[in-house]
Each structure stands twice: as structure tokens, then as C-alpha cells.
Amino acid sequence: MYRDNGEPSRFFENSLNNAINYATIKNGTIGILSDGNADAAIDKLTIKNSQLYNFSNYGVLGRNTSILAENIVINTAGQVSFAATLGGKYNVTHSTIANYWNTSFRQFPALLINNFLEGEDTILLADLTEANFNNCIVYGNDNPEFLLDEIQDNAVAFNFKFTNCLLRFEDPSNNFNGSNYNFNEVSHYENNVFNQEPILNSPLKMS
């Protein structure tokens, strides 16, 4: 599969058991939008062996959905390369989530995880049942390159874990000092490497 245009691959509520394999998706506003069905018995979207790059907004945007990703590369997004928003379930393995978009324009990291959606008058909260990243690279030309943006509520789960990952995260001003950024907490972080420049093929670093 190869797609080079401005239209995202959209998977709306109740579109179930979708699969993408050996795909190249590039150029446009959003690469993949997956919406709803966070509790689907089989993941709403499975994406494997694929590459997504060069989007003005998001590479992958999940909203309270379930995504299984293996051996994918996402890079170069004006906002976020991989956004796991409004909770949901995400399992990502052997993948590179990078962003080398011009830092003068983007305001978000390569990876964003949150449990809410803001409306004009309300804020919706939803469980982040799982957000597991195994043997992944989360990197880019800004710092930090992942954000865990949680609205804390005892009734809402916020479960995540990074295992055997290479992560870019430096916080010299100590702006991120909550429990979600305790890198010694083995329930959230295990055997990771921080701030070691990865060796990436030059075509990945597109701007």
C-alpha cells in the first residue's frame, strides 16, 4: 500500500478489526485517524511494517481507541507524530516515533499521551487502559520528545509503560516533576536509555 495525498486514513466509531501492513503513507494533514472502540475485543486498528511521514498535524491520531503497532516508523509532523488522546489502549513494539519538523513551528513532542478531550464548556475524561511501548525509539530535534498529559481523577485509569526504549527527555528546569516522570518507577519505566542520539537514516529527517 502506498498513499501520497492530503486525505487521512480514517477509522471511525464501530469500524472494527482494521489492518494496515507494508504501507507507505506520506504528505497531508493527518496520516491515520482512529476514533473510538477502545474496548474492542480485537484491536480496532493493527498497523505493521509501515512508514508514515511528513504531515502538517499528526502522523497517527488516536482518540479513545485501540491500536496495535509493530515495526512502524512515524516522523515529521507539524504537531505530534503519535498522539494517543482521550485514553484508550495502545501497544507499540519495535517502532520509531520521531519528529524532526522545524522546532520554530511545532509546539508538541513526538509522542503525546493524554486522558482527556477539551470542549468549549466541558472536559471529557476516559481511561487510559494501556499505553505500552516496547523496544521503541522516541526521539527528535526538540526536547523533551514525549509528554504524559494526565488530568488526575481517582475514577480514571492512566496506565503506561516504556520498556527497553530509547527516549529523549531532558528537564533542566524541573518542569516535569510529577509521578509520571519518575524514571525509577519500574511499573512505568524499565531498562530504558535516555538522551542518546540514535543512528537514523538521513531520509527520516525530513523537514
N, C-alpha and C. Protein backbone atom coordinates (compact mmCIF):
# COMPACT_ATOMS: atom_id res chain seq x y z
N MET A 1 0.85 -1.19 0.00
CA MET A 1 0.00 0.00 0.00
C MET A 1 0.88 1.24 0.00
N TYR A 2 0.54 2.20 -0.86
CA TYR A 2 1.27 3.46 -0.93
C TYR A 2 0.24 4.57 -1.09
N ARG A 3 0.34 5.59 -0.26
CA ARG A 3 -0.58 6.70 -0.39
C ARG A 3 0.17 8.00 -0.19
N ASP A 4 -0.01 8.91 -1.13
CA ASP A 4 0.67 10.21 -1.09
C ASP A 4 -0.36 11.26 -1.48
N ASN A 5 -1.14 11.70 -0.49
CA ASN A 5 -2.14 12.76 -0.75
C ASN A 5 -2.54 13.40 0.57
N GLY A 6 -3.50 14.28 0.53
CA GLY A 6 -3.87 15.03 1.72
C GLY A 6 -4.95 14.40 2.56
N GLU A 7 -5.50 13.26 2.17
CA GLU A 7 -6.60 12.65 2.90
C GLU A 7 -6.09 11.62 3.90
N PRO A 8 -6.52 11.72 5.19
CA PRO A 8 -6.09 10.73 6.17
C PRO A 8 -6.80 9.40 5.97
N SER A 9 -6.19 8.34 6.47
CA SER A 9 -6.87 7.05 6.58
C SER A 9 -7.73 7.13 7.84
N ARG A 10 -9.04 7.09 7.69
CA ARG A 10 -9.96 7.32 8.80
C ARG A 10 -10.63 6.02 9.22
N PHE A 11 -10.62 5.78 10.54
CA PHE A 11 -11.30 4.62 11.10
C PHE A 11 -12.21 5.14 12.21
N PHE A 12 -13.48 5.30 11.87
CA PHE A 12 -14.42 5.92 12.78
C PHE A 12 -15.04 4.91 13.74
N GLU A 13 -15.86 5.40 14.67
CA GLU A 13 -16.54 4.56 15.64
C GLU A 13 -17.23 3.39 14.95
N ASN A 14 -17.01 2.20 15.53
CA ASN A 14 -17.61 0.94 15.07
C ASN A 14 -17.06 0.42 13.75
N SER A 15 -15.98 1.01 13.26
CA SER A 15 -15.22 0.38 12.18
C SER A 15 -14.16 -0.46 12.86
N LEU A 16 -14.35 -1.80 12.86
CA LEU A 16 -13.59 -2.68 13.73
C LEU A 16 -12.63 -3.58 12.95
N ASN A 17 -11.62 -4.08 13.66
CA ASN A 17 -10.70 -5.10 13.15
C ASN A 17 -10.07 -4.67 11.83
N ASN A 18 -9.53 -3.44 11.81
CA ASN A 18 -8.86 -2.91 10.63
C ASN A 18 -7.38 -3.24 10.67
N ALA A 19 -6.77 -3.43 9.51
CA ALA A 19 -5.36 -3.78 9.45
C ALA A 19 -4.67 -3.03 8.32
N ILE A 20 -3.45 -2.55 8.61
CA ILE A 20 -2.58 -1.93 7.61
C ILE A 20 -1.24 -2.65 7.70
N ASN A 21 -0.71 -3.09 6.56
CA ASN A 21 0.55 -3.83 6.55
C ASN A 21 1.37 -3.43 5.32
N TYR A 22 2.66 -3.22 5.52
CA TYR A 22 3.58 -2.85 4.44
C TYR A 22 3.06 -1.65 3.66
N ALA A 23 2.78 -0.58 4.39
CA ALA A 23 2.23 0.64 3.76
C ALA A 23 3.22 1.79 3.90
N THR A 24 3.20 2.67 2.91
CA THR A 24 3.86 3.97 3.00
C THR A 24 2.78 5.03 2.87
N ILE A 25 2.65 5.84 3.92
CA ILE A 25 1.65 6.90 3.93
C ILE A 25 2.40 8.19 4.20
N LYS A 26 2.27 9.16 3.29
CA LYS A 26 3.02 10.39 3.49
C LYS A 26 2.26 11.59 2.92
N ASN A 27 2.61 12.76 3.45
CA ASN A 27 2.13 14.07 2.99
C ASN A 27 0.64 14.26 3.28
N GLY A 28 0.31 15.40 3.84
CA GLY A 28 -1.08 15.73 4.15
C GLY A 28 -1.17 16.33 5.54
N THR A 29 -2.39 16.32 6.10
CA THR A 29 -2.60 16.89 7.43
C THR A 29 -2.48 15.84 8.53
N ILE A 30 -3.13 14.68 8.33
CA ILE A 30 -3.12 13.58 9.28
C ILE A 30 -2.88 12.29 8.51
N GLY A 31 -1.98 11.45 8.99
CA GLY A 31 -1.75 10.18 8.31
C GLY A 31 -2.85 9.18 8.59
N ILE A 32 -3.09 8.89 9.88
CA ILE A 32 -4.12 7.94 10.31
C ILE A 32 -4.90 8.55 11.45
N LEU A 33 -6.24 8.49 11.35
CA LEU A 33 -7.13 8.90 12.43
C LEU A 33 -7.94 7.69 12.84
N SER A 34 -7.80 7.28 14.11
CA SER A 34 -8.56 6.16 14.65
C SER A 34 -9.39 6.66 15.82
N ASP A 35 -10.70 6.47 15.75
CA ASP A 35 -11.62 7.11 16.69
C ASP A 35 -12.52 6.05 17.32
N GLY A 36 -12.50 5.96 18.65
CA GLY A 36 -13.46 5.13 19.37
C GLY A 36 -13.09 3.67 19.45
N ASN A 37 -13.98 2.91 20.12
CA ASN A 37 -13.85 1.45 20.29
C ASN A 37 -12.59 1.07 21.05
N ALA A 38 -12.34 1.77 22.15
CA ALA A 38 -11.17 1.47 22.97
C ALA A 38 -11.26 0.09 23.60
N ASP A 39 -12.47 -0.41 23.81
CA ASP A 39 -12.65 -1.69 24.48
C ASP A 39 -12.96 -2.82 23.51
N ALA A 40 -12.66 -2.63 22.24
CA ALA A 40 -12.93 -3.67 21.25
C ALA A 40 -12.20 -4.96 21.61
N ALA A 41 -12.86 -6.10 21.42
CA ALA A 41 -12.26 -7.40 21.76
C ALA A 41 -10.98 -7.63 20.97
N ILE A 42 -10.99 -7.25 19.71
CA ILE A 42 -9.80 -7.26 18.86
C ILE A 42 -9.47 -5.80 18.57
N ASP A 43 -8.17 -5.45 18.62
CA ASP A 43 -7.81 -4.04 18.44
C ASP A 43 -8.49 -3.45 17.22
N LYS A 44 -8.98 -2.24 17.39
CA LYS A 44 -9.66 -1.56 16.29
C LYS A 44 -8.75 -1.43 15.07
N LEU A 45 -7.46 -1.12 15.32
CA LEU A 45 -6.52 -0.96 14.21
C LEU A 45 -5.21 -1.67 14.54
N THR A 46 -4.77 -2.51 13.63
CA THR A 46 -3.44 -3.11 13.70
C THR A 46 -2.63 -2.57 12.51
N ILE A 47 -1.47 -2.01 12.81
CA ILE A 47 -0.61 -1.49 11.76
C ILE A 47 0.79 -2.06 11.95
N LYS A 48 1.33 -2.66 10.88
CA LYS A 48 2.62 -3.32 10.96
C LYS A 48 3.46 -2.98 9.73
N ASN A 49 4.79 -2.99 9.92
CA ASN A 49 5.73 -2.91 8.80
C ASN A 49 5.45 -1.73 7.88
N SER A 50 5.20 -0.57 8.47
CA SER A 50 4.75 0.59 7.68
C SER A 50 5.49 1.84 8.10
N GLN A 51 5.45 2.84 7.21
CA GLN A 51 6.09 4.12 7.48
C GLN A 51 5.13 5.25 7.16
N LEU A 52 5.14 6.26 8.05
CA LEU A 52 4.29 7.43 7.88
C LEU A 52 5.15 8.65 8.14
N TYR A 53 5.10 9.63 7.20
CA TYR A 53 5.89 10.82 7.45
C TYR A 53 5.39 12.02 6.64
N ASN A 54 5.76 13.18 7.18
CA ASN A 54 5.53 14.47 6.52
C ASN A 54 4.05 14.87 6.54
N PHE A 55 3.55 15.15 7.76
CA PHE A 55 2.17 15.59 7.95
C PHE A 55 2.15 16.93 8.68
N SER A 56 1.25 17.80 8.28
CA SER A 56 1.22 19.13 8.89
C SER A 56 0.67 19.10 10.31
N ASN A 57 -0.12 18.07 10.68
CA ASN A 57 -0.65 17.97 12.04
C ASN A 57 -0.17 16.71 12.76
N TYR A 58 -0.73 15.56 12.42
CA TYR A 58 -0.45 14.32 13.13
C TYR A 58 -0.05 13.21 12.17
N GLY A 59 0.89 12.39 12.60
CA GLY A 59 1.15 11.16 11.88
C GLY A 59 0.06 10.14 12.18
N VAL A 60 -0.11 9.83 13.46
CA VAL A 60 -1.21 8.98 13.93
C VAL A 60 -1.92 9.72 15.04
N LEU A 61 -3.25 9.83 14.91
CA LEU A 61 -4.08 10.45 15.94
C LEU A 61 -5.10 9.42 16.41
N GLY A 62 -4.96 8.98 17.65
CA GLY A 62 -5.93 8.08 18.26
C GLY A 62 -6.75 8.83 19.29
N ARG A 63 -8.07 8.60 19.26
CA ARG A 63 -8.96 9.24 20.24
C ARG A 63 -9.82 8.17 20.89
N ASN A 64 -9.46 7.82 22.14
CA ASN A 64 -10.18 6.79 22.88
C ASN A 64 -10.38 5.55 22.01
N THR A 65 -9.27 5.02 21.52
CA THR A 65 -9.31 3.93 20.56
C THR A 65 -8.34 2.84 20.98
N SER A 66 -8.22 1.80 20.17
CA SER A 66 -7.27 0.72 20.46
C SER A 66 -6.42 0.47 19.22
N ILE A 67 -5.11 0.59 19.39
CA ILE A 67 -4.16 0.44 18.28
C ILE A 67 -3.05 -0.52 18.70
N LEU A 68 -2.77 -1.47 17.84
CA LEU A 68 -1.60 -2.33 17.96
C LEU A 68 -0.66 -1.99 16.82
N ALA A 69 0.57 -1.60 17.14
CA ALA A 69 1.54 -1.20 16.12
C ALA A 69 2.83 -1.98 16.31
N GLU A 70 3.36 -2.51 15.22
CA GLU A 70 4.61 -3.25 15.26
C GLU A 70 5.46 -2.87 14.04
N ASN A 71 6.73 -2.56 14.30
CA ASN A 71 7.69 -2.29 13.23
C ASN A 71 7.20 -1.16 12.31
N ILE A 72 6.89 -0.03 12.90
CA ILE A 72 6.48 1.13 12.11
C ILE A 72 7.44 2.30 12.38
N VAL A 73 7.47 3.23 11.44
CA VAL A 73 8.22 4.47 11.58
C VAL A 73 7.26 5.62 11.34
N ILE A 74 7.24 6.56 12.27
CA ILE A 74 6.45 7.79 12.12
C ILE A 74 7.38 8.96 12.33
N ASN A 75 7.36 9.91 11.41
CA ASN A 75 8.27 11.06 11.55
C ASN A 75 7.73 12.27 10.81
N THR A 76 8.14 13.42 11.30
CA THR A 76 7.91 14.71 10.65
C THR A 76 6.44 15.08 10.65
N ALA A 77 6.03 15.72 11.75
CA ALA A 77 4.66 16.17 11.89
C ALA A 77 4.67 17.57 12.50
N GLY A 78 3.80 18.42 12.00
CA GLY A 78 3.75 19.80 12.48
C GLY A 78 3.31 19.90 13.93
N GLN A 79 2.53 18.91 14.39
CA GLN A 79 2.14 18.90 15.80
C GLN A 79 2.74 17.68 16.51
N VAL A 80 2.16 16.50 16.31
CA VAL A 80 2.58 15.31 17.05
C VAL A 80 2.72 14.14 16.08
N SER A 81 3.79 13.38 16.20
CA SER A 81 3.93 12.20 15.34
C SER A 81 2.93 11.12 15.75
N PHE A 82 2.83 10.83 17.04
CA PHE A 82 1.88 9.83 17.54
C PHE A 82 1.16 10.45 18.72
N ALA A 83 -0.16 10.64 18.59
CA ALA A 83 -0.97 11.22 19.65
C ALA A 83 -1.99 10.19 20.11
N ALA A 84 -1.84 9.74 21.35
CA ALA A 84 -2.78 8.81 21.98
C ALA A 84 -3.63 9.62 22.95
N THR A 85 -4.80 10.06 22.51
CA THR A 85 -5.57 11.03 23.26
C THR A 85 -6.89 10.45 23.76
N LEU A 86 -7.43 11.08 24.79
CA LEU A 86 -8.70 10.69 25.41
C LEU A 86 -8.65 9.23 25.86
N GLY A 87 -7.51 8.84 26.43
CA GLY A 87 -7.38 7.47 26.91
C GLY A 87 -7.36 6.47 25.78
N GLY A 88 -7.68 5.21 26.10
CA GLY A 88 -7.71 4.16 25.10
C GLY A 88 -6.73 3.06 25.42
N LYS A 89 -6.34 2.31 24.39
CA LYS A 89 -5.43 1.17 24.55
C LYS A 89 -4.45 1.18 23.38
N TYR A 90 -3.16 1.20 23.70
CA TYR A 90 -2.11 1.30 22.68
C TYR A 90 -0.97 0.37 23.05
N ASN A 91 -0.56 -0.46 22.13
CA ASN A 91 0.59 -1.33 22.31
C ASN A 91 1.49 -1.18 21.09
N VAL A 92 2.69 -0.65 21.31
CA VAL A 92 3.60 -0.30 20.22
C VAL A 92 4.93 -1.01 20.46
N THR A 93 5.41 -1.76 19.45
CA THR A 93 6.61 -2.58 19.61
C THR A 93 7.53 -2.39 18.40
N HIS A 94 8.84 -2.36 18.66
CA HIS A 94 9.86 -2.28 17.60
C HIS A 94 9.56 -1.13 16.62
N SER A 95 9.31 0.04 17.15
CA SER A 95 8.88 1.16 16.30
C SER A 95 9.67 2.42 16.63
N THR A 96 9.73 3.31 15.64
CA THR A 96 10.38 4.61 15.81
C THR A 96 9.33 5.70 15.70
N ILE A 97 9.21 6.47 16.77
CA ILE A 97 8.32 7.64 16.79
C ILE A 97 9.23 8.85 16.91
N ALA A 98 9.42 9.55 15.82
CA ALA A 98 10.38 10.65 15.78
C ALA A 98 9.71 11.90 15.22
N ASN A 99 10.33 13.02 15.49
CA ASN A 99 9.85 14.25 14.88
C ASN A 99 11.02 15.20 14.66
N TYR A 100 11.27 15.48 13.39
CA TYR A 100 12.32 16.42 13.01
C TYR A 100 11.74 17.60 12.23
N TRP A 101 10.47 17.91 12.51
CA TRP A 101 9.84 19.11 11.96
C TRP A 101 10.55 20.33 12.56
N ASN A 102 10.50 21.43 11.84
CA ASN A 102 11.13 22.67 12.30
C ASN A 102 10.60 23.05 13.68
N THR A 103 11.48 23.14 14.66
CA THR A 103 11.06 23.43 16.02
C THR A 103 10.55 24.86 16.20
N SER A 104 10.75 25.72 15.23
CA SER A 104 10.21 27.08 15.31
C SER A 104 8.69 27.08 15.16
N PHE A 105 8.15 25.99 14.62
CA PHE A 105 6.72 25.94 14.34
C PHE A 105 5.96 24.95 15.22
N ARG A 106 6.55 23.83 15.55
CA ARG A 106 5.80 22.84 16.34
C ARG A 106 5.90 23.14 17.83
N GLN A 107 4.82 22.83 18.56
CA GLN A 107 4.75 23.12 19.98
C GLN A 107 4.57 21.86 20.82
N PHE A 108 4.59 20.70 20.19
CA PHE A 108 4.33 19.46 20.89
C PHE A 108 5.45 18.46 20.61
N PRO A 109 5.56 17.43 21.45
CA PRO A 109 6.61 16.44 21.27
C PRO A 109 6.24 15.40 20.22
N ALA A 110 7.17 14.49 19.98
CA ALA A 110 6.91 13.41 19.02
C ALA A 110 5.77 12.52 19.50
N LEU A 111 5.71 12.27 20.81
CA LEU A 111 4.69 11.38 21.38
C LEU A 111 3.91 12.12 22.45
N LEU A 112 2.59 12.11 22.29
CA LEU A 112 1.69 12.72 23.27
C LEU A 112 0.71 11.66 23.76
N ILE A 113 0.59 11.54 25.07
CA ILE A 113 -0.39 10.64 25.67
C ILE A 113 -1.22 11.44 26.66
N ASN A 114 -2.54 11.40 26.51
CA ASN A 114 -3.40 12.07 27.49
C ASN A 114 -4.68 11.29 27.73
N ASN A 115 -5.47 11.74 28.68
CA ASN A 115 -6.71 11.04 29.04
C ASN A 115 -7.93 11.95 28.99
N PHE A 116 -7.86 13.00 28.17
CA PHE A 116 -8.96 13.96 28.16
C PHE A 116 -9.16 14.58 26.78
N LEU A 117 -10.31 15.20 26.62
CA LEU A 117 -10.62 15.99 25.44
C LEU A 117 -11.36 17.22 25.90
N GLU A 118 -10.84 18.38 25.54
CA GLU A 118 -11.44 19.64 25.96
C GLU A 118 -12.46 20.12 24.94
N GLY A 119 -13.67 20.43 25.42
CA GLY A 119 -14.69 21.08 24.61
C GLY A 119 -14.82 22.54 25.01
N GLU A 120 -15.78 23.22 24.44
CA GLU A 120 -15.95 24.64 24.77
C GLU A 120 -16.31 24.84 26.23
N ASP A 121 -17.17 23.95 26.76
CA ASP A 121 -17.66 24.13 28.13
C ASP A 121 -17.35 22.95 29.04
N THR A 122 -16.83 21.86 28.50
CA THR A 122 -16.61 20.66 29.30
C THR A 122 -15.26 20.04 28.97
N ILE A 123 -14.83 19.16 29.85
CA ILE A 123 -13.66 18.34 29.62
C ILE A 123 -14.07 16.88 29.80
N LEU A 124 -13.89 16.09 28.77
CA LEU A 124 -14.20 14.67 28.84
C LEU A 124 -12.97 13.91 29.32
N LEU A 125 -13.18 12.95 30.23
CA LEU A 125 -12.12 12.09 30.71
C LEU A 125 -12.42 10.65 30.33
N ALA A 126 -11.38 9.87 30.07
CA ALA A 126 -11.55 8.46 29.74
C ALA A 126 -10.34 7.68 30.21
N ASP A 127 -10.56 6.40 30.49
CA ASP A 127 -9.48 5.54 30.96
C ASP A 127 -8.39 5.37 29.91
N LEU A 128 -7.15 5.52 30.31
CA LEU A 128 -6.03 5.05 29.52
C LEU A 128 -5.73 3.64 30.03
N THR A 129 -6.35 2.65 29.40
CA THR A 129 -6.25 1.28 29.87
C THR A 129 -4.83 0.75 29.72
N GLU A 130 -4.23 1.00 28.57
CA GLU A 130 -2.85 0.57 28.31
C GLU A 130 -2.19 1.56 27.36
N ALA A 131 -0.93 1.83 27.63
CA ALA A 131 -0.08 2.53 26.67
C ALA A 131 1.32 1.97 26.86
N ASN A 132 1.58 0.89 26.16
CA ASN A 132 2.83 0.15 26.31
C ASN A 132 3.72 0.35 25.10
N PHE A 133 4.97 0.73 25.34
CA PHE A 133 5.94 0.96 24.29
C PHE A 133 7.15 0.07 24.58
N ASN A 134 7.39 -0.88 23.70
CA ASN A 134 8.43 -1.88 23.90
C ASN A 134 9.46 -1.82 22.77
N ASN A 135 10.73 -1.70 23.14
CA ASN A 135 11.81 -1.67 22.15
C ASN A 135 11.58 -0.59 21.09
N CYS A 136 11.25 0.59 21.54
CA CYS A 136 10.93 1.71 20.64
C CYS A 136 11.94 2.84 20.78
N ILE A 137 12.00 3.67 19.76
CA ILE A 137 12.74 4.93 19.79
C ILE A 137 11.73 6.07 19.80
N VAL A 138 11.84 6.96 20.77
CA VAL A 138 11.01 8.17 20.81
C VAL A 138 11.99 9.33 20.86
N TYR A 139 12.16 10.02 19.72
CA TYR A 139 13.26 10.99 19.62
C TYR A 139 12.88 12.10 18.66
N GLY A 140 13.73 13.10 18.55
CA GLY A 140 13.51 14.21 17.63
C GLY A 140 14.48 15.33 17.87
N ASN A 141 14.18 16.47 17.27
CA ASN A 141 15.08 17.61 17.36
C ASN A 141 14.63 18.64 18.39
N ASP A 142 13.68 18.25 19.24
CA ASP A 142 13.24 19.11 20.35
C ASP A 142 13.41 18.30 21.63
N ASN A 143 13.07 18.89 22.75
CA ASN A 143 13.28 18.20 24.00
C ASN A 143 12.37 18.79 25.08
N PRO A 144 11.61 17.99 25.84
CA PRO A 144 11.52 16.54 25.71
C PRO A 144 10.69 16.13 24.51
N GLU A 145 10.76 14.83 24.16
CA GLU A 145 10.03 14.35 23.00
C GLU A 145 8.89 13.40 23.36
N PHE A 146 8.51 13.34 24.64
CA PHE A 146 7.24 12.69 24.98
C PHE A 146 6.61 13.44 26.15
N LEU A 147 5.28 13.45 26.13
CA LEU A 147 4.50 14.19 27.13
C LEU A 147 3.38 13.30 27.63
N LEU A 148 3.30 13.15 28.95
CA LEU A 148 2.23 12.40 29.60
C LEU A 148 1.32 13.41 30.27
N ASP A 149 0.26 13.77 29.58
CA ASP A 149 -0.59 14.89 29.98
C ASP A 149 -1.86 14.32 30.64
N GLU A 150 -1.79 14.11 31.94
CA GLU A 150 -2.88 13.46 32.67
C GLU A 150 -3.67 14.46 33.49
N ILE A 151 -4.99 14.41 33.38
CA ILE A 151 -5.87 15.04 34.36
C ILE A 151 -6.17 13.97 35.40
N GLN A 152 -5.70 14.15 36.60
CA GLN A 152 -5.82 13.12 37.62
C GLN A 152 -7.23 13.05 38.17
N ASP A 153 -7.73 11.82 38.20
CA ASP A 153 -9.05 11.54 38.74
C ASP A 153 -9.01 10.10 39.23
N ASN A 154 -9.38 9.87 40.48
CA ASN A 154 -9.30 8.52 41.04
C ASN A 154 -10.18 7.52 40.32
N ALA A 155 -11.17 8.01 39.59
CA ALA A 155 -12.08 7.12 38.87
C ALA A 155 -11.58 6.80 37.47
N VAL A 156 -10.46 7.39 37.04
CA VAL A 156 -9.97 7.22 35.67
C VAL A 156 -8.57 6.64 35.70
N ALA A 157 -8.37 5.55 34.97
CA ALA A 157 -7.06 4.89 34.91
C ALA A 157 -6.11 5.66 33.99
N PHE A 158 -4.83 5.59 34.32
CA PHE A 158 -3.79 6.17 33.47
C PHE A 158 -2.59 5.23 33.51
N ASN A 159 -2.67 4.18 32.71
CA ASN A 159 -1.66 3.12 32.72
C ASN A 159 -0.74 3.23 31.51
N PHE A 160 0.54 3.28 31.76
CA PHE A 160 1.52 3.34 30.67
C PHE A 160 2.81 2.68 31.12
N LYS A 161 3.61 2.24 30.13
CA LYS A 161 4.92 1.70 30.45
C LYS A 161 5.83 1.76 29.23
N PHE A 162 7.07 2.16 29.46
CA PHE A 162 8.13 2.15 28.45
C PHE A 162 9.15 1.08 28.87
N THR A 163 9.42 0.15 27.98
CA THR A 163 10.33 -0.95 28.27
C THR A 163 11.36 -1.07 27.14
N ASN A 164 12.64 -1.06 27.50
CA ASN A 164 13.73 -1.22 26.52
C ASN A 164 13.64 -0.19 25.39
N CYS A 165 13.37 1.04 25.74
CA CYS A 165 13.21 2.11 24.75
C CYS A 165 14.37 3.10 24.82
N LEU A 166 14.58 3.81 23.73
CA LEU A 166 15.48 4.96 23.67
C LEU A 166 14.60 6.20 23.64
N LEU A 167 14.73 7.04 24.68
CA LEU A 167 13.82 8.16 24.87
C LEU A 167 14.60 9.46 24.96
N ARG A 168 14.04 10.51 24.37
CA ARG A 168 14.63 11.83 24.56
C ARG A 168 13.80 12.59 25.59
N PHE A 169 14.43 12.86 26.72
CA PHE A 169 13.75 13.60 27.77
C PHE A 169 14.79 14.24 28.67
N GLU A 170 14.89 15.55 28.58
CA GLU A 170 15.74 16.32 29.48
C GLU A 170 14.88 17.43 30.07
N ASP A 171 15.06 17.69 31.37
CA ASP A 171 14.22 18.66 32.05
C ASP A 171 15.07 19.49 33.03
N PRO A 172 15.96 20.32 32.48
CA PRO A 172 16.87 21.06 33.36
C PRO A 172 16.14 22.05 34.29
N SER A 173 14.96 22.50 33.88
CA SER A 173 14.21 23.45 34.71
C SER A 173 13.25 22.76 35.68
N ASN A 174 13.24 21.42 35.66
CA ASN A 174 12.40 20.64 36.56
C ASN A 174 10.93 20.99 36.42
N ASN A 175 10.49 21.09 35.16
CA ASN A 175 9.08 21.39 34.90
C ASN A 175 8.20 20.14 34.96
N PHE A 176 8.81 18.97 34.84
CA PHE A 176 8.05 17.73 34.80
C PHE A 176 8.47 16.88 36.00
N ASN A 177 7.91 17.17 37.14
CA ASN A 177 8.36 16.51 38.37
C ASN A 177 7.28 15.66 39.01
N GLY A 178 6.20 15.35 38.30
CA GLY A 178 5.15 14.50 38.85
C GLY A 178 5.53 13.04 38.83
N SER A 179 4.66 12.22 39.39
CA SER A 179 4.94 10.79 39.49
C SER A 179 5.05 10.11 38.13
N ASN A 180 4.42 10.66 37.10
CA ASN A 180 4.51 10.07 35.76
C ASN A 180 5.91 10.17 35.18
N TYR A 181 6.75 11.02 35.76
CA TYR A 181 8.11 11.20 35.25
C TYR A 181 9.15 10.69 36.25
N ASN A 182 8.75 9.77 37.08
CA ASN A 182 9.70 9.11 37.98
C ASN A 182 10.29 7.92 37.22
N PHE A 183 11.45 8.12 36.64
CA PHE A 183 12.03 7.11 35.76
C PHE A 183 12.60 5.91 36.51
N ASN A 184 12.54 5.95 37.84
CA ASN A 184 12.93 4.81 38.65
C ASN A 184 11.75 3.93 39.03
N GLU A 185 10.58 4.33 38.62
CA GLU A 185 9.37 3.56 38.92
C GLU A 185 9.21 2.45 37.89
N VAL A 186 9.47 1.21 38.31
CA VAL A 186 9.53 0.09 37.35
C VAL A 186 8.16 -0.28 36.79
N SER A 187 7.09 0.18 37.41
CA SER A 187 5.78 -0.08 36.83
C SER A 187 5.52 0.77 35.60
N HIS A 188 6.35 1.81 35.40
CA HIS A 188 6.21 2.71 34.25
C HIS A 188 7.44 2.72 33.33
N TYR A 189 8.62 2.47 33.88
CA TYR A 189 9.86 2.56 33.10
C TYR A 189 10.77 1.39 33.47
N GLU A 190 11.26 0.69 32.44
CA GLU A 190 12.12 -0.44 32.71
C GLU A 190 13.15 -0.61 31.59
N ASN A 191 14.44 -0.57 31.96
CA ASN A 191 15.55 -0.82 31.04
C ASN A 191 15.56 0.14 29.84
N ASN A 192 15.30 1.40 30.10
CA ASN A 192 15.31 2.40 29.03
C ASN A 192 16.64 3.14 28.99
N VAL A 193 16.93 3.75 27.84
CA VAL A 193 18.10 4.61 27.66
C VAL A 193 17.60 6.00 27.31
N PHE A 194 18.17 7.01 27.93
CA PHE A 194 17.72 8.38 27.73
C PHE A 194 18.80 9.21 27.04
N ASN A 195 18.34 10.02 26.08
CA ASN A 195 19.13 11.11 25.51
C ASN A 195 20.42 10.66 24.84
N GLN A 196 20.37 9.51 24.23
CA GLN A 196 21.49 9.03 23.42
C GLN A 196 21.09 9.10 21.96
N GLU A 197 21.75 9.94 21.21
CA GLU A 197 21.36 10.20 19.83
C GLU A 197 21.29 8.90 19.03
N PRO A 198 20.14 8.58 18.45
CA PRO A 198 20.05 7.36 17.65
C PRO A 198 20.69 7.54 16.29
N ILE A 199 21.05 6.43 15.68
CA ILE A 199 21.57 6.46 14.32
C ILE A 199 20.39 6.19 13.38
N LEU A 200 19.97 7.23 12.69
CA LEU A 200 18.81 7.15 11.81
C LEU A 200 19.23 7.43 10.38
N ASN A 201 18.61 6.77 9.44
CA ASN A 201 18.86 7.07 8.04
C ASN A 201 18.47 8.49 7.74
N SER A 202 19.25 9.18 6.91
CA SER A 202 19.01 10.60 6.63
C SER A 202 17.63 10.87 6.03
N PRO A 203 17.02 9.98 5.24
CA PRO A 203 15.68 10.30 4.73
C PRO A 203 14.63 10.44 5.81
N LEU A 204 14.91 9.88 7.01
CA LEU A 204 13.95 10.02 8.09
C LEU A 204 13.84 11.45 8.56
N LYS A 205 14.94 12.19 8.48
CA LYS A 205 14.97 13.56 9.00
C LYS A 205 14.51 14.54 7.92
N MET A 206 13.22 14.50 7.64
CA MET A 206 12.66 15.39 6.63
C MET A 206 12.08 16.61 7.31
N SER A 207 12.09 17.74 6.65
CA SER A 207 11.55 18.97 7.23
C SER A 207 10.67 19.66 6.22
